Amino acid sequence: MFSYVRSRSRLAVGSFTAVLLTVLAGCDSGSTGPSASAIQFSRNISLPDAQSLLQSGPTRVEVQVIPGTLVARRVELEEPSDMSGPEQVRSRVTAVTAGTDMATFTLELGGIQITANASTMLRSGDDEGAHDDVSASNDGGGGPMTLADFVARVQADIAAGRNPTLVAFRQPPTSPQAPNDGSFLAAELKLNEGNSHSVVSLNIAAANLVTNATPPPDGFLKVLGVSLELRLSDGTTKLKHKNPELEGASEFEGIVKSVDQAAQTVTLIDGTIIRIVAGTEIDGDEGEHDDHLTTLADVQAALTAGKTVKTEGRGLVDSTNPLTIDAIRIEFEVEGEEPPPPMMMVEFAGLEVEFETPTS
């Protein structure tokens, strides 16, 4: 049995540091977890390996998608015990339509549509309250908003060419959603100012993963009515299986305050220490427009230049005073650098059609 604790703190720099911890219920708060440097976080697997795992039963998958494409960069099959956690979709918004008590947000990722209603918790994701067109009911600080205010904020950003990133959460359905079912009613929606890369974290079954008789690609992961390409043969896609010993892994997200290259650590604004250890995967950049940083030296250089660097990832809690996490996977991204206009990838009768979304 697991409990989920989300810790948020307001920051003067205009965002927040959030640490989402998954801990064993009844675990002592001062206990020390297993040494991450002594554990293999995940192992590479083949497409047949993944199919075999899914034949034994459904599980949770986390997919990172290369921006502007339907090609999976990293696919990790987790454990059945992870299936009870919230499902998540993150992508840039290209359009929004709204009625009196419902709104639909169309995402860059395959045109996936996220629905919100009066029961959806809505958060702005920043602290600055910089958008004057939003009414006073938005308290800034990432606090709750009304649906009308949230829609107005997104529409204003799209009109200004900013195409904000939306993060949608929901409780998982009783059984994995059918591959061609594109519905997603969000329990919580949050605007993410820092990371525009698309991520999908859903429960899946064997029907979601299919091989391609005429590669490339080698296969497809079908979720929410979208077929994500798996290109293992040329190394584009990494397919991994989480180490089942890593129960209690935590997700972290925040703004980097400082870097210690000798100790291989970064310290977040709220004092959380993230350690880079043997086996830590640092997500790389993906082209000339990508604003990811791939080394601690790059992060330090960005901070020295006065830039704000956000980080997120997953790791194991080693100690709690101060909170110290050994990173399993981590990515760094410079905040405030405008990404290129989103390229919406939509499938029509098995064909991919690419549209450049107008910014004005």
Protein backbone atom coordinates (compact mmCIF):
# COMPACT_ATOMS: atom_id res chain seq x y z
CA MET A 1 0.00 0.00 0.00
CA PHE A 2 1.40 3.38 -1.00
CA SER A 3 0.68 6.95 -0.04
CA TYR A 4 1.35 9.89 -2.34
CA VAL A 5 2.61 13.19 -0.95
CA ARG A 6 3.10 16.32 -3.07
CA SER A 7 5.09 19.14 -1.52
CA ARG A 8 4.82 22.60 -3.10
CA SER A 9 6.56 25.82 -2.12
CA ARG A 10 6.06 29.26 -3.62
CA LEU A 11 9.08 30.89 -5.19
CA ALA A 12 9.86 34.52 -5.91
CA VAL A 13 11.36 33.57 -9.28
CA GLY A 14 7.93 32.87 -10.69
CA SER A 15 7.48 29.14 -10.46
CA PHE A 16 7.49 26.37 -7.90
CA THR A 17 9.51 23.46 -6.70
CA ALA A 18 7.41 20.35 -6.42
CA VAL A 19 8.51 16.97 -5.20
CA LEU A 20 6.07 14.12 -5.66
CA LEU A 21 7.08 11.35 -3.32
CA THR A 22 5.90 7.77 -3.43
CA VAL A 23 6.72 6.17 -0.11
CA LEU A 24 5.77 2.98 1.60
CA ALA A 25 2.91 3.60 4.00
CA GLY A 26 4.14 3.43 7.56
CA CYS A 27 7.76 4.03 6.55
CA ASP A 28 9.69 6.11 9.08
CA SER A 29 10.30 9.64 7.72
CA GLY A 30 13.97 9.54 8.60
CA SER A 31 14.72 6.19 7.05
CA THR A 32 17.31 5.77 4.35
CA GLY A 33 16.45 4.07 1.08
CA PRO A 34 18.66 1.69 -0.89
CA SER A 35 21.82 3.09 -2.39
CA ALA A 36 20.98 4.10 -5.96
CA SER A 37 24.60 3.73 -7.04
CA ALA A 38 24.41 -0.01 -6.24
CA ILE A 39 21.21 -0.72 -8.16
CA GLN A 40 20.57 -1.08 -11.88
CA PHE A 41 17.68 1.33 -12.40
CA SER A 42 16.35 -0.29 -15.58
CA ARG A 43 17.43 -2.66 -18.32
CA ASN A 44 17.16 -2.43 -22.08
CA ILE A 45 14.68 -4.87 -23.58
CA SER A 46 13.60 -5.89 -27.08
CA LEU A 47 10.15 -5.50 -28.60
CA PRO A 48 9.43 -9.25 -28.15
CA ASP A 49 10.54 -8.92 -24.51
CA ALA A 50 8.03 -6.10 -24.00
CA GLN A 51 5.26 -8.08 -25.66
CA SER A 52 6.02 -11.05 -23.43
CA LEU A 53 5.83 -8.87 -20.31
CA LEU A 54 2.45 -7.49 -21.38
CA GLN A 55 1.11 -10.97 -22.13
CA SER A 56 1.48 -11.68 -18.42
CA GLY A 57 -0.78 -8.75 -17.56
CA PRO A 58 -1.23 -4.96 -17.88
CA THR A 59 1.28 -2.48 -16.51
CA ARG A 60 2.14 1.23 -16.46
CA VAL A 61 4.20 2.73 -19.29
CA GLU A 62 5.92 6.11 -19.47
CA VAL A 63 6.70 7.43 -22.95
CA GLN A 64 8.77 10.47 -23.89
CA VAL A 65 8.16 11.66 -27.45
CA ILE A 66 10.58 13.54 -29.71
CA PRO A 67 9.16 17.08 -30.18
CA GLY A 68 7.22 17.68 -33.39
CA THR A 69 6.95 13.96 -34.17
CA LEU A 70 5.07 10.81 -33.23
CA VAL A 71 8.35 8.98 -32.56
CA ALA A 72 8.99 7.69 -29.05
CA ARG A 73 12.37 8.67 -27.65
CA ARG A 74 12.16 6.59 -24.46
CA VAL A 75 9.63 3.94 -23.42
CA GLU A 76 9.79 2.43 -19.96
CA LEU A 77 7.58 -0.41 -18.82
CA GLU A 78 7.07 -0.08 -15.10
CA GLU A 79 5.59 -2.55 -12.62
CA PRO A 80 1.94 -3.56 -12.08
CA SER A 81 2.21 -1.98 -8.62
CA ASP A 82 2.68 1.41 -10.33
CA MET A 83 -0.73 1.21 -12.00
CA SER A 84 -2.62 2.80 -9.10
CA GLY A 85 -0.89 6.18 -9.48
CA PRO A 86 -2.41 9.04 -11.52
CA GLU A 87 -2.16 8.80 -15.30
CA GLN A 88 -0.59 11.78 -17.05
CA VAL A 89 -0.37 13.45 -20.47
CA ARG A 90 1.90 16.43 -21.16
CA SER A 91 2.13 18.34 -24.44
CA ARG A 92 1.87 21.82 -25.90
CA VAL A 93 -1.64 23.15 -26.58
CA THR A 94 -2.53 24.13 -30.14
CA ALA A 95 -6.24 24.95 -29.74
CA VAL A 96 -8.99 25.22 -27.14
CA THR A 97 -12.78 25.20 -27.43
CA ALA A 98 -15.04 25.94 -24.49
CA GLY A 99 -18.68 25.87 -23.51
CA THR A 100 -20.42 26.93 -20.33
CA ASP A 101 -19.07 24.19 -18.07
CA MET A 102 -16.69 22.18 -20.28
CA ALA A 103 -13.57 22.83 -22.35
CA THR A 104 -11.52 20.76 -24.78
CA PHE A 105 -7.78 21.33 -25.25
CA THR A 106 -6.16 20.00 -28.43
CA LEU A 107 -2.53 18.98 -27.98
CA GLU A 108 0.42 19.05 -30.35
CA LEU A 109 0.93 15.34 -29.69
CA GLY A 110 -1.19 13.66 -32.35
CA GLY A 111 -4.10 16.03 -31.82
CA ILE A 112 -4.98 14.32 -28.51
CA GLN A 113 -7.91 16.09 -26.88
CA ILE A 114 -8.04 16.69 -23.13
CA THR A 115 -11.42 17.52 -21.60
CA ALA A 116 -11.99 19.58 -18.46
CA ASN A 117 -15.25 20.22 -16.63
CA ALA A 118 -16.46 21.93 -13.47
CA SER A 119 -14.89 19.19 -11.33
CA THR A 120 -11.40 19.55 -12.82
CA MET A 121 -8.78 21.19 -10.58
CA LEU A 122 -7.11 23.93 -12.65
CA ARG A 123 -3.75 25.51 -11.85
CA SER A 124 -1.75 28.21 -13.62
CA GLY A 125 1.66 26.75 -12.78
CA ASP A 126 3.36 30.08 -12.08
CA ASP A 127 3.72 32.66 -9.33
CA GLU A 128 4.01 35.90 -11.18
CA GLY A 129 0.41 36.63 -12.09
CA ALA A 130 1.88 38.21 -15.21
CA HIS A 131 -1.22 37.85 -17.36
CA ASP A 132 -3.34 40.93 -16.78
CA ASP A 133 -6.23 39.51 -18.79
CA VAL A 134 -6.91 36.88 -16.13
CA SER A 135 -9.36 37.94 -13.43
CA ALA A 136 -8.54 38.30 -9.75
CA SER A 137 -9.93 34.83 -9.03
CA ASN A 138 -6.56 33.52 -10.20
CA ASP A 139 -4.37 33.82 -7.13
CA GLY A 140 -1.14 33.20 -9.06
CA GLY A 141 1.22 30.90 -7.26
CA GLY A 142 -0.05 27.96 -9.24
CA GLY A 143 -3.29 28.16 -7.20
CA PRO A 144 -6.75 27.00 -8.29
CA MET A 145 -8.48 28.84 -11.15
CA THR A 146 -11.98 28.84 -12.56
CA LEU A 147 -12.53 27.07 -15.88
CA ALA A 148 -13.30 30.38 -17.61
CA ASP A 149 -10.08 31.95 -16.31
CA PHE A 150 -8.01 28.93 -17.28
CA VAL A 151 -9.43 28.91 -20.82
CA ALA A 152 -8.84 32.67 -21.13
CA ARG A 153 -5.22 32.22 -20.02
CA VAL A 154 -4.59 29.47 -22.58
CA GLN A 155 -6.31 31.38 -25.38
CA ALA A 156 -4.27 34.50 -24.61
CA ASP A 157 -1.03 32.50 -24.67
CA ILE A 158 -1.92 30.86 -27.99
CA ALA A 159 -2.87 34.23 -29.51
CA ALA A 160 0.52 35.58 -28.40
CA GLY A 161 2.31 32.63 -30.03
CA ARG A 162 3.40 31.04 -26.76
CA ASN A 163 1.52 27.71 -27.09
CA PRO A 164 1.68 26.73 -23.40
CA THR A 165 2.42 23.23 -22.21
CA LEU A 166 -0.48 21.47 -20.53
CA VAL A 167 -0.11 18.68 -17.97
CA ALA A 168 -3.25 16.60 -17.44
CA PHE A 169 -3.80 14.09 -14.64
CA ARG A 170 -6.57 11.59 -13.96
CA GLN A 171 -7.13 8.54 -11.82
CA PRO A 172 -6.58 5.39 -13.89
CA PRO A 173 -9.64 3.51 -15.18
CA THR A 174 -10.41 0.08 -13.76
CA SER A 175 -8.80 -1.57 -16.80
CA PRO A 176 -6.45 -0.06 -19.42
CA GLN A 177 -8.22 2.15 -21.94
CA ALA A 178 -8.68 0.66 -25.42
CA PRO A 179 -5.89 1.71 -27.83
CA ASN A 180 -8.24 3.61 -30.17
CA ASP A 181 -10.19 5.36 -27.39
CA GLY A 182 -8.99 8.97 -27.38
CA SER A 183 -11.01 10.21 -24.40
CA PHE A 184 -9.23 11.81 -21.43
CA LEU A 185 -11.27 13.67 -18.81
CA ALA A 186 -8.77 15.44 -16.56
CA ALA A 187 -9.09 15.45 -12.78
CA GLU A 188 -6.36 18.12 -12.69
CA LEU A 189 -4.88 20.41 -15.35
CA LYS A 190 -1.73 22.45 -14.88
CA LEU A 191 0.13 24.84 -17.14
CA ASN A 192 3.82 23.94 -17.23
CA GLU A 193 5.99 26.94 -18.08
CA GLY A 194 9.23 24.99 -18.15
CA ASN A 195 9.04 21.83 -20.24
CA SER A 196 7.48 21.55 -23.70
CA HIS A 197 8.42 17.92 -24.35
CA SER A 198 5.53 15.49 -24.70
CA VAL A 199 5.13 12.72 -22.12
CA VAL A 200 2.45 10.06 -21.73
CA SER A 201 2.13 7.89 -18.61
CA LEU A 202 -0.76 5.42 -18.84
CA ASN A 203 -1.75 1.88 -17.97
CA ILE A 204 -1.55 -0.39 -21.02
CA ALA A 205 -2.24 -3.99 -22.00
CA ALA A 206 -0.93 -6.32 -24.71
CA ALA A 207 -3.27 -4.80 -27.32
CA ASN A 208 -1.50 -1.42 -27.05
CA LEU A 209 1.83 -2.74 -28.37
CA VAL A 210 2.01 -4.03 -31.95
CA THR A 211 4.84 -4.92 -34.32
CA ASN A 212 5.12 -3.51 -37.84
CA ALA A 213 5.24 -6.09 -40.64
CA THR A 214 7.08 -3.63 -42.91
CA PRO A 215 9.59 -1.71 -40.76
CA PRO A 216 10.65 0.96 -40.15
CA PRO A 217 9.37 1.64 -37.60
CA ASP A 218 9.74 -1.64 -35.73
CA GLY A 219 6.38 -1.27 -34.03
CA PHE A 220 3.79 1.05 -32.54
CA LEU A 221 2.54 1.88 -29.09
CA LYS A 222 -1.12 2.79 -29.51
CA VAL A 223 -2.55 5.05 -26.79
CA LEU A 224 -5.43 7.55 -26.76
CA GLY A 225 -6.10 6.94 -30.45
CA VAL A 226 -2.52 7.82 -31.47
CA SER A 227 0.15 5.43 -32.79
CA LEU A 228 3.59 6.29 -31.41
CA GLU A 229 6.45 4.92 -33.50
CA LEU A 230 9.01 2.61 -31.91
CA ARG A 231 12.34 2.78 -33.77
CA LEU A 232 14.62 0.43 -31.88
CA SER A 233 16.65 -0.82 -34.85
CA ASP A 234 18.33 2.53 -35.54
CA GLY A 235 18.65 3.45 -31.86
CA THR A 236 16.13 6.30 -31.94
CA THR A 237 13.86 4.66 -29.36
CA LYS A 238 15.10 3.24 -26.07
CA LEU A 239 12.84 0.50 -24.72
CA LYS A 240 13.39 -0.25 -21.05
CA HIS A 241 11.96 -2.27 -18.18
CA LYS A 242 12.05 -0.80 -14.70
CA ASN A 243 13.97 -2.75 -12.08
CA PRO A 244 11.23 -4.34 -9.91
CA GLU A 245 13.38 -3.69 -6.81
CA LEU A 246 12.89 0.06 -7.20
CA GLU A 247 9.68 0.36 -5.22
CA GLY A 248 9.38 3.80 -3.67
CA ALA A 249 10.88 5.75 -6.60
CA SER A 250 9.98 9.46 -6.46
CA GLU A 251 9.27 12.05 -9.11
CA PHE A 252 10.87 15.45 -8.61
CA GLU A 253 10.50 18.80 -10.33
CA GLY A 254 11.94 22.20 -9.50
CA ILE A 255 14.22 25.13 -10.22
CA VAL A 256 17.98 24.70 -9.88
CA LYS A 257 19.64 26.99 -7.34
CA SER A 258 23.23 25.75 -7.58
CA VAL A 259 25.51 23.05 -8.99
CA ASP A 260 28.42 21.20 -7.39
CA GLN A 261 30.26 19.55 -10.26
CA ALA A 262 32.81 17.87 -7.98
CA ALA A 263 30.12 16.24 -5.85
CA GLN A 264 27.88 15.66 -8.91
CA THR A 265 24.86 17.30 -7.27
CA VAL A 266 22.33 20.02 -7.99
CA THR A 267 20.47 21.88 -5.26
CA LEU A 268 16.94 23.13 -5.88
CA ILE A 269 15.46 26.38 -4.60
CA ASP A 270 13.71 24.61 -1.70
CA GLY A 271 16.96 22.93 -0.57
CA THR A 272 16.32 19.52 -2.15
CA ILE A 273 19.58 17.89 -3.27
CA ILE A 274 19.59 15.78 -6.44
CA ARG A 275 22.61 13.50 -6.84
CA ILE A 276 23.89 12.27 -10.20
CA VAL A 277 25.08 8.71 -9.57
CA ALA A 278 26.33 5.74 -11.56
CA GLY A 279 23.50 4.76 -13.88
CA THR A 280 21.72 8.14 -13.90
CA GLU A 281 20.32 8.93 -17.35
CA ILE A 282 20.53 12.60 -18.38
CA ASP A 283 18.10 13.31 -21.20
CA GLY A 284 19.88 14.76 -24.23
CA ASP A 285 18.98 17.56 -26.62
CA GLU A 286 17.06 16.86 -29.81
CA GLY A 287 18.13 19.39 -32.40
CA GLU A 288 19.10 23.02 -32.86
CA HIS A 289 15.89 24.38 -31.30
CA ASP A 290 16.06 22.16 -28.23
CA ASP A 291 16.81 23.95 -24.95
CA HIS A 292 17.83 20.91 -22.90
CA LEU A 293 21.17 20.90 -21.10
CA THR A 294 23.10 17.64 -21.06
CA THR A 295 25.89 18.16 -18.50
CA LEU A 296 26.27 19.78 -15.10
CA ALA A 297 28.84 22.10 -16.69
CA ASP A 298 26.12 23.30 -19.09
CA VAL A 299 23.75 23.85 -16.17
CA GLN A 300 26.40 25.85 -14.30
CA ALA A 301 27.11 27.95 -17.39
CA ALA A 302 23.41 28.74 -17.78
CA LEU A 303 23.12 29.77 -14.12
CA THR A 304 26.25 31.92 -14.40
CA ALA A 305 24.66 33.65 -17.42
CA GLY A 306 21.66 34.53 -15.26
CA LYS A 307 19.28 32.02 -16.81
CA THR A 308 16.67 30.00 -14.94
CA VAL A 309 17.10 26.24 -15.24
CA LYS A 310 14.31 23.81 -14.43
CA THR A 311 14.81 20.14 -13.77
CA GLU A 312 12.58 17.12 -13.42
CA GLY A 313 13.01 13.40 -13.24
CA ARG A 314 12.72 10.36 -11.03
CA GLY A 315 14.91 9.00 -8.28
CA LEU A 316 15.27 7.24 -4.94
CA VAL A 317 15.05 9.15 -1.67
CA ASP A 318 18.28 8.57 0.27
CA SER A 319 17.64 10.92 3.21
CA THR A 320 15.03 13.46 4.27
CA ASN A 321 16.97 16.17 6.15
CA PRO A 322 17.75 17.72 3.77
CA LEU A 323 15.70 15.83 1.22
CA THR A 324 18.29 14.04 -0.94
CA ILE A 325 17.37 12.06 -4.05
CA ASP A 326 19.61 9.81 -6.15
CA ALA A 327 18.48 10.47 -9.73
CA ILE A 328 17.41 7.55 -11.89
CA ARG A 329 16.55 9.85 -14.80
CA ILE A 330 16.90 13.64 -14.99
CA GLU A 331 16.49 16.42 -17.52
CA PHE A 332 17.49 20.08 -17.41
CA GLU A 333 15.83 22.80 -19.45
CA VAL A 334 16.42 26.54 -19.71
CA GLU A 335 13.29 28.51 -18.89
CA GLY A 336 12.13 31.44 -20.97
CA GLU A 337 13.63 30.50 -24.35
CA GLU A 338 10.81 30.43 -26.88
CA PRO A 339 10.51 27.05 -28.62
CA PRO A 340 9.68 26.91 -32.34
CA PRO A 341 6.00 26.90 -33.38
CA PRO A 342 4.43 23.51 -32.64
CA MET A 343 4.10 21.01 -35.48
CA MET A 344 0.90 19.06 -34.96
CA MET A 345 1.23 15.44 -36.07
CA VAL A 346 -2.12 13.86 -36.94
CA GLU A 347 -2.87 10.45 -38.44
CA PHE A 348 -5.30 10.00 -41.33
CA ALA A 349 -5.94 6.43 -42.49
CA GLY A 350 -2.46 5.34 -41.47
CA LEU A 351 -0.70 8.39 -42.91
CA GLU A 352 1.03 11.06 -40.86
CA VAL A 353 0.25 14.64 -41.86
CA GLU A 354 2.28 17.51 -40.44
CA PHE A 355 0.75 20.94 -39.85
CA GLU A 356 2.58 24.04 -38.68
CA THR A 357 0.31 25.74 -36.19
CA PRO A 358 -0.06 29.49 -36.92
CA THR A 359 1.08 31.79 -34.13
CA SER A 360 -1.14 34.73 -34.93
